[in-house]
Amino acid sequence: MAENTMPGGWSEYHDLTAEDRAVFYEALEGFVGVNYIPSVVSTQVVAGMNYKYKCIASIPPSDVNWETIIEIFEPLEGKPHIVSIARI
């Protein structure tokens, strides 16, 4: 796992681990309309875990793609959920 630059800080963006992918897909379960493919992630330890996923987004059947940042919070107990989605 990438090291934080300071306590409570965000890690550098890095390739997704199996756990990062599981959190991403659990948070987006049931989300329809746009396809998101995560490429890298940055994490922040809080009372749980914050994730910033850089993704490629598209709306099928269009071939148009754009980049997004999806922020997800995984609480200490309970299901991870989307905090925000921003086009970059």
N, C-alpha and C. Protein backbone atom coordinates (compact mmCIF):
# COMPACT_ATOMS: atom_id res chain seq x y z
N MET A 1 0.85 -1.18 0.00
CA MET A 1 0.00 0.00 0.00
C MET A 1 0.89 1.24 0.00
N ALA A 2 0.47 2.28 -0.69
CA ALA A 2 1.24 3.52 -0.77
C ALA A 2 1.25 4.22 0.60
N GLU A 3 2.33 4.88 0.89
CA GLU A 3 2.48 5.59 2.15
C GLU A 3 1.85 6.98 2.06
N ASN A 4 1.22 7.41 3.15
CA ASN A 4 0.72 8.79 3.22
C ASN A 4 1.90 9.73 3.37
N THR A 5 1.76 10.94 2.85
CA THR A 5 2.82 11.92 2.99
C THR A 5 2.84 12.54 4.38
N MET A 6 1.70 12.54 5.07
CA MET A 6 1.62 13.02 6.45
C MET A 6 0.42 12.35 7.11
N PRO A 7 0.41 12.29 8.43
CA PRO A 7 -0.71 11.66 9.11
C PRO A 7 -2.04 12.27 8.67
N GLY A 8 -2.99 11.42 8.30
CA GLY A 8 -4.30 11.90 7.86
C GLY A 8 -4.31 12.39 6.42
N GLY A 9 -3.13 12.39 5.76
CA GLY A 9 -3.05 12.87 4.38
C GLY A 9 -3.43 11.79 3.39
N TRP A 10 -3.60 12.21 2.16
CA TRP A 10 -3.93 11.28 1.07
C TRP A 10 -2.66 10.62 0.57
N SER A 11 -2.77 9.34 0.20
CA SER A 11 -1.65 8.63 -0.40
C SER A 11 -1.48 9.11 -1.84
N GLU A 12 -0.35 8.77 -2.42
CA GLU A 12 -0.17 8.98 -3.85
C GLU A 12 -1.13 8.06 -4.59
N TYR A 13 -1.54 8.45 -5.80
CA TYR A 13 -2.36 7.54 -6.59
C TYR A 13 -1.52 6.30 -6.92
N HIS A 14 -2.16 5.13 -6.83
CA HIS A 14 -1.48 3.86 -7.09
C HIS A 14 -2.46 2.88 -7.74
N ASP A 15 -1.92 1.80 -8.29
CA ASP A 15 -2.75 0.76 -8.88
C ASP A 15 -3.68 0.18 -7.83
N LEU A 16 -4.84 -0.25 -8.26
CA LEU A 16 -5.83 -0.80 -7.34
C LEU A 16 -5.44 -2.19 -6.86
N THR A 17 -5.67 -2.43 -5.58
CA THR A 17 -5.53 -3.76 -5.02
C THR A 17 -6.88 -4.47 -5.17
N ALA A 18 -6.92 -5.75 -4.86
CA ALA A 18 -8.18 -6.49 -4.88
C ALA A 18 -9.18 -5.86 -3.90
N GLU A 19 -8.71 -5.41 -2.75
CA GLU A 19 -9.58 -4.77 -1.76
C GLU A 19 -10.13 -3.45 -2.28
N ASP A 20 -9.27 -2.64 -2.94
CA ASP A 20 -9.72 -1.37 -3.52
C ASP A 20 -10.84 -1.61 -4.54
N ARG A 21 -10.66 -2.63 -5.39
CA ARG A 21 -11.68 -2.96 -6.40
C ARG A 21 -12.99 -3.40 -5.74
N ALA A 22 -12.89 -4.20 -4.69
CA ALA A 22 -14.08 -4.69 -3.99
C ALA A 22 -14.87 -3.52 -3.39
N VAL A 23 -14.17 -2.56 -2.79
CA VAL A 23 -14.84 -1.38 -2.21
C VAL A 23 -15.52 -0.59 -3.32
N PHE A 24 -14.82 -0.38 -4.43
CA PHE A 24 -15.37 0.39 -5.56
C PHE A 24 -16.67 -0.24 -6.05
N TYR A 25 -16.63 -1.52 -6.36
CA TYR A 25 -17.80 -2.17 -6.95
C TYR A 25 -18.93 -2.35 -5.94
N GLU A 26 -18.62 -2.49 -4.67
CA GLU A 26 -19.68 -2.56 -3.66
C GLU A 26 -20.40 -1.22 -3.54
N ALA A 27 -19.64 -0.12 -3.55
CA ALA A 27 -20.24 1.22 -3.45
C ALA A 27 -21.08 1.55 -4.68
N LEU A 28 -20.69 1.06 -5.86
CA LEU A 28 -21.43 1.37 -7.09
C LEU A 28 -22.50 0.33 -7.42
N GLU A 29 -22.69 -0.64 -6.55
CA GLU A 29 -23.70 -1.67 -6.79
C GLU A 29 -25.08 -1.01 -6.97
N GLY A 30 -25.74 -1.33 -8.07
CA GLY A 30 -27.05 -0.78 -8.36
C GLY A 30 -27.02 0.58 -9.05
N PHE A 31 -25.83 1.17 -9.20
CA PHE A 31 -25.69 2.47 -9.87
C PHE A 31 -25.79 2.22 -11.38
N VAL A 32 -26.73 2.87 -12.05
CA VAL A 32 -26.96 2.61 -13.47
C VAL A 32 -26.86 3.89 -14.28
N GLY A 33 -26.64 3.72 -15.59
CA GLY A 33 -26.64 4.85 -16.51
C GLY A 33 -25.27 5.18 -17.05
N VAL A 34 -24.25 5.15 -16.21
CA VAL A 34 -22.89 5.47 -16.62
C VAL A 34 -21.99 4.30 -16.22
N ASN A 35 -21.09 3.90 -17.13
CA ASN A 35 -20.09 2.88 -16.79
C ASN A 35 -18.84 3.58 -16.30
N TYR A 36 -18.31 3.13 -15.18
CA TYR A 36 -17.06 3.66 -14.63
C TYR A 36 -16.04 2.54 -14.55
N ILE A 37 -14.84 2.81 -15.07
CA ILE A 37 -13.74 1.85 -14.98
C ILE A 37 -12.61 2.52 -14.20
N PRO A 38 -12.35 2.06 -12.97
CA PRO A 38 -11.30 2.68 -12.16
C PRO A 38 -9.91 2.32 -12.69
N SER A 39 -8.99 3.30 -12.66
CA SER A 39 -7.63 3.04 -13.12
C SER A 39 -6.61 3.12 -11.98
N VAL A 40 -6.74 4.12 -11.13
CA VAL A 40 -5.85 4.28 -9.97
C VAL A 40 -6.66 4.81 -8.80
N VAL A 41 -6.09 4.72 -7.60
CA VAL A 41 -6.79 5.15 -6.39
C VAL A 41 -5.82 5.83 -5.43
N SER A 42 -6.36 6.78 -4.67
CA SER A 42 -5.65 7.41 -3.57
C SER A 42 -6.50 7.16 -2.32
N THR A 43 -5.85 6.91 -1.18
CA THR A 43 -6.59 6.60 0.03
C THR A 43 -6.21 7.52 1.18
N GLN A 44 -7.13 7.63 2.14
CA GLN A 44 -6.92 8.43 3.34
C GLN A 44 -7.55 7.70 4.51
N VAL A 45 -6.75 7.43 5.52
CA VAL A 45 -7.26 6.78 6.73
C VAL A 45 -7.94 7.83 7.59
N VAL A 46 -9.19 7.59 7.93
CA VAL A 46 -9.97 8.44 8.84
C VAL A 46 -10.66 7.48 9.79
N ALA A 47 -11.80 7.84 10.33
CA ALA A 47 -12.59 6.87 11.12
C ALA A 47 -13.30 6.00 10.09
N GLY A 48 -12.52 5.17 9.43
CA GLY A 48 -12.91 4.40 8.26
C GLY A 48 -11.85 4.67 7.21
N MET A 49 -12.26 4.69 5.94
CA MET A 49 -11.30 4.95 4.85
C MET A 49 -11.98 5.76 3.76
N ASN A 50 -11.28 6.80 3.30
CA ASN A 50 -11.71 7.57 2.14
C ASN A 50 -10.92 7.08 0.94
N TYR A 51 -11.60 7.02 -0.21
CA TYR A 51 -10.97 6.62 -1.47
C TYR A 51 -11.28 7.67 -2.53
N LYS A 52 -10.29 7.98 -3.36
CA LYS A 52 -10.49 8.78 -4.57
C LYS A 52 -10.05 7.92 -5.74
N TYR A 53 -11.02 7.52 -6.56
CA TYR A 53 -10.74 6.68 -7.71
C TYR A 53 -10.74 7.54 -8.97
N LYS A 54 -9.66 7.50 -9.74
CA LYS A 54 -9.66 8.09 -11.08
C LYS A 54 -10.25 7.05 -12.00
N CYS A 55 -11.24 7.45 -12.78
CA CYS A 55 -11.97 6.51 -13.62
C CYS A 55 -12.14 7.05 -15.04
N ILE A 56 -12.38 6.14 -15.95
CA ILE A 56 -12.85 6.47 -17.29
C ILE A 56 -14.34 6.19 -17.27
N ALA A 57 -15.13 7.17 -17.70
CA ALA A 57 -16.59 7.04 -17.70
C ALA A 57 -17.11 7.04 -19.12
N SER A 58 -18.24 6.36 -19.31
CA SER A 58 -18.91 6.36 -20.61
C SER A 58 -20.38 6.02 -20.40
N ILE A 59 -21.19 6.45 -21.36
CA ILE A 59 -22.61 6.11 -21.36
C ILE A 59 -22.86 5.25 -22.58
N PRO A 60 -23.09 3.95 -22.36
CA PRO A 60 -23.31 3.05 -23.50
C PRO A 60 -24.58 3.45 -24.25
N PRO A 61 -24.64 3.32 -25.53
CA PRO A 61 -23.68 2.67 -26.41
C PRO A 61 -22.67 3.64 -27.02
N SER A 62 -22.59 4.86 -26.53
CA SER A 62 -21.68 5.87 -27.06
C SER A 62 -20.22 5.47 -26.87
N ASP A 63 -19.37 5.89 -27.80
CA ASP A 63 -17.93 5.65 -27.69
C ASP A 63 -17.21 6.81 -27.01
N VAL A 64 -17.96 7.82 -26.56
CA VAL A 64 -17.37 8.99 -25.92
C VAL A 64 -16.99 8.63 -24.48
N ASN A 65 -15.75 8.94 -24.12
CA ASN A 65 -15.23 8.69 -22.77
C ASN A 65 -14.77 9.98 -22.13
N TRP A 66 -14.79 10.05 -20.82
CA TRP A 66 -14.24 11.19 -20.09
C TRP A 66 -13.70 10.68 -18.75
N GLU A 67 -12.85 11.51 -18.13
CA GLU A 67 -12.27 11.14 -16.85
C GLU A 67 -13.11 11.68 -15.70
N THR A 68 -13.17 10.91 -14.63
CA THR A 68 -13.88 11.33 -13.43
C THR A 68 -13.08 10.96 -12.19
N ILE A 69 -13.42 11.62 -11.11
CA ILE A 69 -12.93 11.23 -9.78
C ILE A 69 -14.17 10.84 -8.99
N ILE A 70 -14.18 9.61 -8.49
CA ILE A 70 -15.27 9.16 -7.63
C ILE A 70 -14.71 9.04 -6.22
N GLU A 71 -15.31 9.79 -5.29
CA GLU A 71 -14.92 9.70 -3.89
C GLU A 71 -15.87 8.75 -3.18
N ILE A 72 -15.31 7.82 -2.45
CA ILE A 72 -16.08 6.82 -1.71
C ILE A 72 -15.60 6.81 -0.27
N PHE A 73 -16.55 6.69 0.65
CA PHE A 73 -16.23 6.54 2.07
C PHE A 73 -16.62 5.14 2.51
N GLU A 74 -15.68 4.44 3.15
CA GLU A 74 -15.95 3.14 3.74
C GLU A 74 -15.91 3.29 5.25
N PRO A 75 -17.07 3.23 5.92
CA PRO A 75 -17.08 3.37 7.38
C PRO A 75 -16.48 2.15 8.06
N LEU A 76 -16.18 2.29 9.34
CA LEU A 76 -15.64 1.17 10.10
C LEU A 76 -16.62 0.00 10.11
N GLU A 77 -17.90 0.30 10.14
CA GLU A 77 -18.95 -0.72 10.07
C GLU A 77 -19.96 -0.27 9.03
N GLY A 78 -20.37 -1.17 8.18
CA GLY A 78 -21.37 -0.84 7.18
C GLY A 78 -20.78 -0.81 5.78
N LYS A 79 -21.65 -0.52 4.84
CA LYS A 79 -21.31 -0.57 3.42
C LYS A 79 -20.65 0.73 2.95
N PRO A 80 -19.63 0.64 2.08
CA PRO A 80 -19.05 1.86 1.50
C PRO A 80 -20.08 2.54 0.61
N HIS A 81 -19.98 3.88 0.51
CA HIS A 81 -20.93 4.62 -0.32
C HIS A 81 -20.25 5.78 -1.05
N ILE A 82 -20.87 6.19 -2.14
CA ILE A 82 -20.35 7.29 -2.94
C ILE A 82 -20.56 8.60 -2.20
N VAL A 83 -19.50 9.42 -2.16
CA VAL A 83 -19.58 10.75 -1.57
C VAL A 83 -19.77 11.78 -2.67
N SER A 84 -19.00 11.62 -3.77
CA SER A 84 -19.13 12.56 -4.89
C SER A 84 -18.58 11.93 -6.16
N ILE A 85 -19.06 12.47 -7.28
CA ILE A 85 -18.52 12.11 -8.60
C ILE A 85 -18.28 13.42 -9.31
N ALA A 86 -17.05 13.64 -9.78
CA ALA A 86 -16.70 14.89 -10.44
C ALA A 86 -15.99 14.60 -11.76
N ARG A 87 -16.46 15.27 -12.81
CA ARG A 87 -15.80 15.14 -14.11
C ARG A 87 -14.53 15.98 -14.09
N ILE A 88 -13.43 15.43 -14.61
CA ILE A 88 -12.17 16.20 -14.65
C ILE A 88 -11.70 16.35 -16.09
